[in-house]
Amino acid sequence: MPRVASKLAETVPPLPAEMITRIPAKVAAMSDLVAGFDAGAARGDGKRYSIRDLTREFDISARTLRFYEEKGLLAPERIGQERLYTRRDRARLRLVLLGKAVGFSLDDIREMIDLYDLGDGGVRQLEVAHQRFGEQIDRLHAQRAEIDKAIAELQRARASVGEQLAALTRKA
């Protein structure tokens, strides 16, 4: 991993264990998202992937691939009716799916991955990703606090309903 990406990995705290268990295994580690910003990940080697290859590898539908293409996130080559995806498309798809798994919008994801093409060695991309990761972590912490409050309220309400139910069944 390049030094800049390594620095980023050191500054982004890992997801708490209880959150990791709720995320599908294929996107469980935030480090995968960080590693996706490694400049070498998108270098082309001439390999091409069909829709079938990518749908199987990432467990998504062909419709999902076409949707990401319509949104400008992927740009497969076309040979007749066939779409052929490059290593770059595959890397971008991986980042899209990882970004979605941790709550980023498609617009946020597009903005971050499009910065790779600036030609500055990925510095701006990593700066923006670092900032966005921090913002997303803050949003997730806020959501967790709201969820914890809702769970506590539901537990109190359930206990109250249980007591009422027990009282009614004792009378009957």
Protein backbone atom coordinates (compact mmCIF):
# COMPACT_ATOMS: atom_id res chain seq x y z
CA MET A 1 0.00 0.00 0.00
CA PRO A 2 1.43 3.43 -0.86
CA ARG A 3 2.58 5.63 2.01
CA VAL A 4 -0.31 8.12 1.57
CA ALA A 5 -2.93 5.36 1.68
CA SER A 6 -1.12 3.83 4.65
CA LYS A 7 -1.32 7.18 6.48
CA LEU A 8 -5.03 7.37 5.69
CA ALA A 9 -5.56 3.85 7.01
CA GLU A 10 -3.86 4.87 10.28
CA THR A 11 -6.12 7.92 10.73
CA VAL A 12 -9.47 6.26 10.02
CA PRO A 13 -10.62 4.29 13.06
CA PRO A 14 -11.89 0.76 12.43
CA LEU A 15 -15.61 -0.01 12.60
CA PRO A 16 -16.80 -1.28 16.00
CA ALA A 17 -17.14 -5.07 16.13
CA GLU A 18 -20.91 -4.89 16.62
CA MET A 19 -21.28 -2.95 13.36
CA ILE A 20 -19.01 -5.27 11.41
CA THR A 21 -21.22 -8.24 12.20
CA ARG A 22 -24.14 -6.42 10.56
CA ILE A 23 -22.36 -5.71 7.30
CA PRO A 24 -22.19 -8.45 4.65
CA ALA A 25 -18.91 -10.36 4.76
CA LYS A 26 -17.81 -9.19 1.32
CA VAL A 27 -17.69 -5.58 2.55
CA ALA A 28 -16.97 -6.08 6.24
CA ALA A 29 -13.63 -4.30 6.56
CA MET A 30 -13.38 -0.53 6.18
CA SER A 31 -9.77 -1.17 5.23
CA ASP A 32 -11.10 -2.58 1.94
CA LEU A 33 -12.58 0.83 1.20
CA VAL A 34 -9.28 2.52 2.05
CA ALA A 35 -7.33 -0.01 -0.01
CA GLY A 36 -9.58 0.77 -2.96
CA PHE A 37 -8.02 4.21 -3.12
CA ASP A 38 -4.64 2.62 -3.88
CA ALA A 39 -3.67 4.11 -7.23
CA GLY A 40 -2.50 0.73 -8.50
CA ALA A 41 -5.91 -0.84 -8.10
CA ALA A 42 -7.31 0.76 -11.25
CA ARG A 43 -4.35 0.32 -13.59
CA GLY A 44 -5.34 -1.52 -16.70
CA ASP A 45 -3.70 -4.79 -17.64
CA GLY A 46 -5.84 -5.46 -20.69
CA LYS A 47 -8.14 -7.89 -18.89
CA ARG A 48 -11.83 -7.53 -19.69
CA TYR A 49 -14.84 -8.71 -17.72
CA SER A 50 -18.30 -9.53 -19.00
CA ILE A 51 -21.50 -8.59 -17.22
CA ARG A 52 -21.78 -12.21 -16.13
CA ASP A 53 -18.26 -12.13 -14.63
CA LEU A 54 -19.01 -9.08 -12.52
CA THR A 55 -22.53 -10.09 -11.51
CA ARG A 56 -21.17 -13.39 -10.21
CA GLU A 57 -18.13 -11.90 -8.50
CA PHE A 58 -20.03 -9.13 -6.71
CA ASP A 59 -23.39 -10.90 -6.33
CA ILE A 60 -25.32 -8.12 -8.06
CA SER A 61 -27.74 -8.08 -10.95
CA ALA A 62 -27.04 -7.04 -14.53
CA ARG A 63 -29.63 -4.33 -13.99
CA THR A 64 -27.49 -2.92 -11.16
CA LEU A 65 -24.47 -2.78 -13.47
CA ARG A 66 -26.48 -0.99 -16.13
CA PHE A 67 -27.83 1.43 -13.50
CA TYR A 68 -24.29 2.32 -12.39
CA GLU A 69 -23.37 2.77 -16.04
CA GLU A 70 -26.33 5.14 -16.56
CA LYS A 71 -25.19 7.11 -13.50
CA GLY A 72 -21.72 7.52 -15.02
CA LEU A 73 -19.96 5.37 -12.45
CA LEU A 74 -18.88 2.73 -14.96
CA ALA A 75 -17.93 3.08 -18.62
CA PRO A 76 -17.68 -0.35 -20.23
CA GLU A 77 -16.48 -0.81 -23.77
CA ARG A 78 -19.12 -1.96 -26.20
CA ILE A 79 -18.58 -4.51 -28.90
CA GLY A 80 -21.91 -4.81 -30.64
CA GLN A 81 -24.45 -5.51 -27.90
CA GLU A 82 -21.84 -6.83 -25.48
CA ARG A 83 -20.44 -4.72 -22.65
CA LEU A 84 -16.85 -5.39 -21.63
CA TYR A 85 -15.63 -3.97 -18.34
CA THR A 86 -11.98 -3.11 -17.70
CA ARG A 87 -9.97 -3.56 -14.51
CA ARG A 88 -10.67 0.11 -13.89
CA ASP A 89 -14.44 -0.47 -14.13
CA ARG A 90 -14.09 -3.45 -11.81
CA ALA A 91 -12.16 -1.36 -9.26
CA ARG A 92 -14.74 1.43 -9.52
CA LEU A 93 -17.58 -1.07 -9.05
CA ARG A 94 -15.87 -2.42 -5.96
CA LEU A 95 -15.59 1.11 -4.54
CA VAL A 96 -19.23 1.86 -5.37
CA LEU A 97 -20.42 -1.25 -3.55
CA LEU A 98 -18.16 -0.66 -0.56
CA GLY A 99 -19.21 2.98 -0.40
CA LYS A 100 -22.89 2.05 -0.53
CA ALA A 101 -22.35 -0.54 2.22
CA VAL A 102 -21.07 2.15 4.60
CA GLY A 103 -23.81 4.64 3.71
CA PHE A 104 -22.36 6.94 1.06
CA SER A 105 -24.63 8.30 -1.67
CA LEU A 106 -23.84 7.54 -5.30
CA ASP A 107 -23.03 11.22 -5.82
CA ASP A 108 -20.50 11.15 -2.96
CA ILE A 109 -18.96 7.96 -4.31
CA ARG A 110 -18.72 9.35 -7.84
CA GLU A 111 -17.09 12.53 -6.61
CA MET A 112 -14.47 10.61 -4.62
CA ILE A 113 -13.56 8.10 -7.32
CA ASP A 114 -13.59 10.66 -10.15
CA LEU A 115 -10.85 12.57 -8.33
CA TYR A 116 -8.47 9.74 -9.25
CA ASP A 117 -8.28 11.16 -12.77
CA LEU A 118 -6.91 14.57 -11.69
CA GLY A 119 -3.34 13.49 -12.30
CA ASP A 120 -2.01 14.65 -8.91
CA GLY A 121 -1.00 11.17 -7.81
CA GLY A 122 -4.27 10.69 -5.94
CA VAL A 123 -3.52 13.32 -3.28
CA ARG A 124 -6.80 15.25 -3.72
CA GLN A 125 -8.75 11.98 -3.88
CA LEU A 126 -7.27 10.87 -0.56
CA GLU A 127 -7.87 14.27 1.04
CA VAL A 128 -11.53 14.25 0.01
CA ALA A 129 -11.95 10.60 1.02
CA HIS A 130 -10.38 11.31 4.41
CA GLN A 131 -12.77 14.21 4.99
CA ARG A 132 -15.84 12.27 3.76
CA PHE A 133 -14.94 9.21 5.84
CA GLY A 134 -14.83 11.40 8.95
CA GLU A 135 -18.17 13.00 8.11
CA GLN A 136 -19.73 9.57 7.49
CA ILE A 137 -18.35 8.23 10.76
CA ASP A 138 -19.96 11.19 12.57
CA ARG A 139 -23.29 10.52 10.81
CA LEU A 140 -23.15 6.83 11.72
CA HIS A 141 -22.40 7.67 15.37
CA ALA A 142 -25.41 10.01 15.42
CA GLN A 143 -27.61 7.33 13.84
CA ARG A 144 -26.40 4.78 16.37
CA ALA A 145 -27.30 7.17 19.22
CA GLU A 146 -30.80 7.60 17.75
CA ILE A 147 -31.19 3.84 17.32
CA ASP A 148 -30.03 3.22 20.90
CA LYS A 149 -32.66 5.73 22.13
CA ALA A 150 -35.38 4.05 20.05
CA ILE A 151 -34.39 0.60 21.36
CA ALA A 152 -34.46 1.83 24.97
CA GLU A 153 -37.91 3.37 24.44
CA LEU A 154 -39.22 0.19 22.81
CA GLN A 155 -37.83 -1.91 25.67
CA ARG A 156 -39.61 0.32 28.22
CA ALA A 157 -42.86 0.18 26.21
CA ARG A 158 -42.59 -3.59 25.81
CA ALA A 159 -42.04 -4.05 29.54
CA SER A 160 -45.06 -1.87 30.28
CA VAL A 161 -47.24 -3.78 27.80
CA GLY A 162 -45.99 -7.06 29.26
CA GLU A 163 -46.97 -5.96 32.75
CA GLN A 164 -50.43 -4.90 31.52
CA LEU A 165 -50.84 -8.21 29.70
CA ALA A 166 -49.80 -10.19 32.76
CA ALA A 167 -52.25 -8.24 34.92
CA LEU A 168 -55.10 -8.91 32.48
CA THR A 169 -54.32 -12.63 32.20
CA ARG A 170 -54.18 -12.99 36.01
CA LYS A 171 -57.70 -11.49 36.26
CA ALA A 172 -59.10 -13.80 33.62
